[in-house]
Structures are given as C-alpha cells and as structure tokens.
Amino acid sequence: MVSSREFNRDVSAVKRAAASGPVIITDHGRPSHVLLSFADYQRLTGTAGSLGDAFVLEEEIDFEPLRPRDSLREVDL
C-alpha cells in the first residue's frame, strides 16, 4: 500500500512496484485506487489485444456535440 501523497511524490517508484503486482493507493488511510500493469489489467478483464482494442466499443454511438448559440459568431477577416 502507498498513500496518495507518496504516490504523487514518486510516481516512477510506484509504477515499478506495480510491475510485480497491484499497488493499493490510499487516501486519508483508506484504499481508494489500485495501480496495476496493463498486462494484469488485460488478464483481469480478458482483453488480450492491443491497447487500442481495449477501447473499441461493441456498438456505435451517435454523437453530435451541441454548440451554445453564443459560440456562433461572425469571422472578422
């Protein structure tokens, strides 16, 4: 276990520690996050592909960002 303060102080050391197993990060003495290697993540989730494959959605999502009316302005050239 490592505190969030220790994590912020030496991220590289915590990443090295995560290479040999999950590292629990605490916040105010309570477990709040777990840092693990990507290989461990893949093993846990069953996503044995590339990093890009891990973010591919199963279905398409229609997305049209809304623009506030204030953002429509004339261009002054």
N, C-alpha and C. Protein backbone atom coordinates (compact mmCIF):
# COMPACT_ATOMS: atom_id res chain seq x y z
N MET A 1 0.85 -1.18 0.00
CA MET A 1 0.00 0.00 0.00
C MET A 1 0.89 1.24 0.00
N VAL A 2 0.38 2.27 -0.63
CA VAL A 2 1.09 3.54 -0.70
C VAL A 2 0.07 4.66 -0.57
N SER A 3 0.43 5.69 0.15
CA SER A 3 -0.50 6.81 0.30
C SER A 3 -0.52 7.63 -0.98
N SER A 4 -1.58 8.39 -1.17
CA SER A 4 -1.66 9.24 -2.37
C SER A 4 -0.54 10.28 -2.35
N ARG A 5 -0.13 10.71 -1.17
CA ARG A 5 0.98 11.66 -1.06
C ARG A 5 2.29 11.02 -1.54
N GLU A 6 2.53 9.78 -1.12
CA GLU A 6 3.73 9.06 -1.57
C GLU A 6 3.68 8.82 -3.07
N PHE A 7 2.49 8.48 -3.55
CA PHE A 7 2.31 8.26 -4.99
C PHE A 7 2.68 9.52 -5.77
N ASN A 8 2.17 10.66 -5.34
CA ASN A 8 2.47 11.92 -6.03
C ASN A 8 3.95 12.28 -5.94
N ARG A 9 4.59 11.92 -4.85
CA ARG A 9 5.99 12.25 -4.65
C ARG A 9 6.91 11.44 -5.57
N ASP A 10 6.56 10.15 -5.82
CA ASP A 10 7.45 9.30 -6.61
C ASP A 10 6.64 8.33 -7.46
N VAL A 11 6.02 8.85 -8.49
CA VAL A 11 5.17 8.04 -9.38
C VAL A 11 5.98 6.90 -10.01
N SER A 12 7.20 7.17 -10.41
CA SER A 12 8.03 6.15 -11.06
C SER A 12 8.24 4.94 -10.16
N ALA A 13 8.50 5.17 -8.89
CA ALA A 13 8.72 4.06 -7.96
C ALA A 13 7.45 3.22 -7.81
N VAL A 14 6.31 3.88 -7.76
CA VAL A 14 5.05 3.15 -7.62
C VAL A 14 4.76 2.36 -8.89
N LYS A 15 5.07 2.92 -10.05
CA LYS A 15 4.89 2.19 -11.30
C LYS A 15 5.79 0.97 -11.34
N ARG A 16 7.02 1.10 -10.87
CA ARG A 16 7.92 -0.06 -10.81
C ARG A 16 7.36 -1.12 -9.88
N ALA A 17 6.81 -0.70 -8.75
CA ALA A 17 6.22 -1.65 -7.80
C ALA A 17 5.03 -2.37 -8.43
N ALA A 18 4.26 -1.68 -9.25
CA ALA A 18 3.08 -2.27 -9.90
C ALA A 18 3.48 -3.33 -10.92
N ALA A 19 4.74 -3.31 -11.36
CA ALA A 19 5.20 -4.33 -12.31
C ALA A 19 5.22 -5.71 -11.66
N SER A 20 5.33 -5.77 -10.33
CA SER A 20 5.36 -7.06 -9.66
C SER A 20 4.03 -7.40 -8.97
N GLY A 21 3.05 -6.54 -9.11
CA GLY A 21 1.74 -6.82 -8.55
C GLY A 21 0.97 -5.54 -8.30
N PRO A 22 -0.33 -5.65 -8.10
CA PRO A 22 -1.16 -4.46 -7.87
C PRO A 22 -0.70 -3.66 -6.66
N VAL A 23 -0.78 -2.34 -6.77
CA VAL A 23 -0.43 -1.44 -5.69
C VAL A 23 -1.70 -0.69 -5.27
N ILE A 24 -2.04 -0.80 -4.00
CA ILE A 24 -3.22 -0.10 -3.49
C ILE A 24 -2.79 1.28 -3.05
N ILE A 25 -3.50 2.29 -3.53
CA ILE A 25 -3.22 3.68 -3.18
C ILE A 25 -4.29 4.13 -2.19
N THR A 26 -3.85 4.68 -1.09
CA THR A 26 -4.79 5.10 -0.05
C THR A 26 -4.96 6.61 -0.06
N ASP A 27 -6.11 7.03 0.38
CA ASP A 27 -6.41 8.45 0.54
C ASP A 27 -6.98 8.61 1.95
N HIS A 28 -6.29 9.35 2.78
CA HIS A 28 -6.68 9.52 4.18
C HIS A 28 -6.77 8.17 4.90
N GLY A 29 -5.82 7.28 4.57
CA GLY A 29 -5.74 5.98 5.23
C GLY A 29 -6.70 4.92 4.71
N ARG A 30 -7.51 5.25 3.75
CA ARG A 30 -8.48 4.29 3.19
C ARG A 30 -8.12 3.96 1.75
N PRO A 31 -8.20 2.69 1.36
CA PRO A 31 -7.93 2.32 -0.04
C PRO A 31 -8.85 3.09 -0.98
N SER A 32 -8.26 3.71 -2.01
CA SER A 32 -9.07 4.48 -2.96
C SER A 32 -8.86 4.08 -4.41
N HIS A 33 -7.67 3.62 -4.74
CA HIS A 33 -7.36 3.25 -6.12
C HIS A 33 -6.40 2.06 -6.12
N VAL A 34 -6.34 1.38 -7.27
CA VAL A 34 -5.39 0.29 -7.44
C VAL A 34 -4.64 0.55 -8.74
N LEU A 35 -3.32 0.52 -8.67
CA LEU A 35 -2.49 0.67 -9.86
C LEU A 35 -1.96 -0.71 -10.21
N LEU A 36 -2.15 -1.11 -11.46
CA LEU A 36 -1.62 -2.40 -11.90
C LEU A 36 -1.10 -2.28 -13.31
N SER A 37 -0.27 -3.23 -13.69
CA SER A 37 0.30 -3.21 -15.03
C SER A 37 -0.81 -3.45 -16.05
N PHE A 38 -0.56 -3.04 -17.29
CA PHE A 38 -1.57 -3.25 -18.32
C PHE A 38 -1.76 -4.75 -18.57
N ALA A 39 -0.70 -5.53 -18.45
CA ALA A 39 -0.81 -6.98 -18.62
C ALA A 39 -1.74 -7.57 -17.56
N ASP A 40 -1.61 -7.10 -16.31
CA ASP A 40 -2.51 -7.56 -15.26
C ASP A 40 -3.95 -7.13 -15.54
N TYR A 41 -4.11 -5.91 -16.04
CA TYR A 41 -5.45 -5.42 -16.39
C TYR A 41 -6.07 -6.31 -17.47
N GLN A 42 -5.28 -6.63 -18.49
CA GLN A 42 -5.79 -7.48 -19.57
C GLN A 42 -6.18 -8.86 -19.04
N ARG A 43 -5.36 -9.39 -18.14
CA ARG A 43 -5.65 -10.70 -17.57
C ARG A 43 -6.96 -10.66 -16.77
N LEU A 44 -7.18 -9.58 -16.02
CA LEU A 44 -8.40 -9.45 -15.23
C LEU A 44 -9.65 -9.25 -16.08
N THR A 45 -9.51 -8.48 -17.16
CA THR A 45 -10.68 -8.15 -17.98
C THR A 45 -10.87 -9.07 -19.17
N GLY A 46 -9.87 -9.90 -19.46
CA GLY A 46 -9.97 -10.79 -20.60
C GLY A 46 -9.82 -10.08 -21.93
N THR A 47 -9.15 -8.93 -21.94
CA THR A 47 -8.92 -8.18 -23.19
C THR A 47 -7.47 -8.36 -23.61
N ALA A 48 -7.20 -9.47 -24.27
CA ALA A 48 -5.82 -9.79 -24.66
C ALA A 48 -5.53 -9.29 -26.07
N GLY A 49 -5.70 -8.02 -26.31
CA GLY A 49 -5.39 -7.44 -27.60
C GLY A 49 -4.47 -6.25 -27.41
N SER A 50 -4.48 -5.38 -28.37
CA SER A 50 -3.66 -4.18 -28.25
C SER A 50 -4.37 -3.17 -27.35
N LEU A 51 -3.66 -2.14 -26.97
CA LEU A 51 -4.26 -1.09 -26.15
C LEU A 51 -5.45 -0.47 -26.89
N GLY A 52 -5.31 -0.28 -28.19
CA GLY A 52 -6.41 0.27 -28.99
C GLY A 52 -7.64 -0.62 -28.96
N ASP A 53 -7.42 -1.94 -28.97
CA ASP A 53 -8.54 -2.87 -28.93
C ASP A 53 -9.33 -2.75 -27.63
N ALA A 54 -8.65 -2.36 -26.56
CA ALA A 54 -9.32 -2.25 -25.26
C ALA A 54 -10.35 -1.13 -25.26
N PHE A 55 -10.22 -0.18 -26.19
CA PHE A 55 -11.11 0.97 -26.20
C PHE A 55 -12.12 0.94 -27.34
N VAL A 56 -12.21 -0.17 -28.06
CA VAL A 56 -13.17 -0.30 -29.15
C VAL A 56 -14.53 -0.63 -28.55
N LEU A 57 -15.53 0.12 -28.96
CA LEU A 57 -16.88 -0.10 -28.46
C LEU A 57 -17.56 -1.22 -29.22
N GLU A 58 -18.42 -1.95 -28.52
CA GLU A 58 -19.16 -3.04 -29.13
C GLU A 58 -20.23 -2.53 -30.10
N GLU A 59 -20.74 -1.35 -29.85
CA GLU A 59 -21.80 -0.80 -30.68
C GLU A 59 -21.49 0.66 -30.99
N GLU A 60 -22.08 1.15 -32.05
CA GLU A 60 -21.87 2.55 -32.42
C GLU A 60 -22.71 3.46 -31.54
N ILE A 61 -22.19 4.64 -31.32
CA ILE A 61 -22.91 5.64 -30.55
C ILE A 61 -23.05 6.88 -31.41
N ASP A 62 -24.28 7.36 -31.58
CA ASP A 62 -24.49 8.60 -32.32
C ASP A 62 -24.11 9.76 -31.42
N PHE A 63 -23.26 10.62 -31.93
CA PHE A 63 -22.80 11.74 -31.12
C PHE A 63 -22.76 12.99 -31.98
N GLU A 64 -23.51 13.98 -31.60
CA GLU A 64 -23.48 15.28 -32.26
C GLU A 64 -23.33 16.32 -31.17
N PRO A 65 -22.13 16.88 -31.03
CA PRO A 65 -21.93 17.87 -29.97
C PRO A 65 -22.82 19.09 -30.19
N LEU A 66 -23.37 19.58 -29.12
CA LEU A 66 -24.20 20.77 -29.18
C LEU A 66 -23.33 22.00 -28.99
N ARG A 67 -23.57 22.99 -29.80
CA ARG A 67 -22.84 24.25 -29.67
C ARG A 67 -23.77 25.29 -29.05
N PRO A 68 -23.28 25.96 -28.05
CA PRO A 68 -24.10 27.04 -27.49
C PRO A 68 -24.30 28.13 -28.54
N ARG A 69 -25.44 28.72 -28.53
CA ARG A 69 -25.72 29.77 -29.51
C ARG A 69 -24.71 30.90 -29.43
N ASP A 70 -24.15 31.13 -28.26
CA ASP A 70 -23.15 32.19 -28.10
C ASP A 70 -21.89 31.94 -28.90
N SER A 71 -21.60 30.67 -29.20
CA SER A 71 -20.36 30.38 -29.89
C SER A 71 -20.44 30.65 -31.39
N LEU A 72 -21.65 30.85 -31.91
CA LEU A 72 -21.79 31.18 -33.31
C LEU A 72 -21.54 32.67 -33.50
N ARG A 73 -20.44 32.98 -34.13
CA ARG A 73 -20.09 34.39 -34.30
C ARG A 73 -19.50 34.60 -35.67
N GLU A 74 -19.56 35.78 -36.14
CA GLU A 74 -19.03 36.10 -37.45
C GLU A 74 -17.51 36.17 -37.36
N VAL A 75 -16.89 35.82 -38.46
CA VAL A 75 -15.44 35.87 -38.53
C VAL A 75 -15.05 37.22 -39.11
N ASP A 76 -14.17 37.91 -38.44
CA ASP A 76 -13.70 39.20 -38.88
C ASP A 76 -12.34 39.01 -39.55
N LEU A 77 -12.30 39.15 -40.86
CA LEU A 77 -11.04 38.98 -41.60
C LEU A 77 -10.37 40.28 -41.90
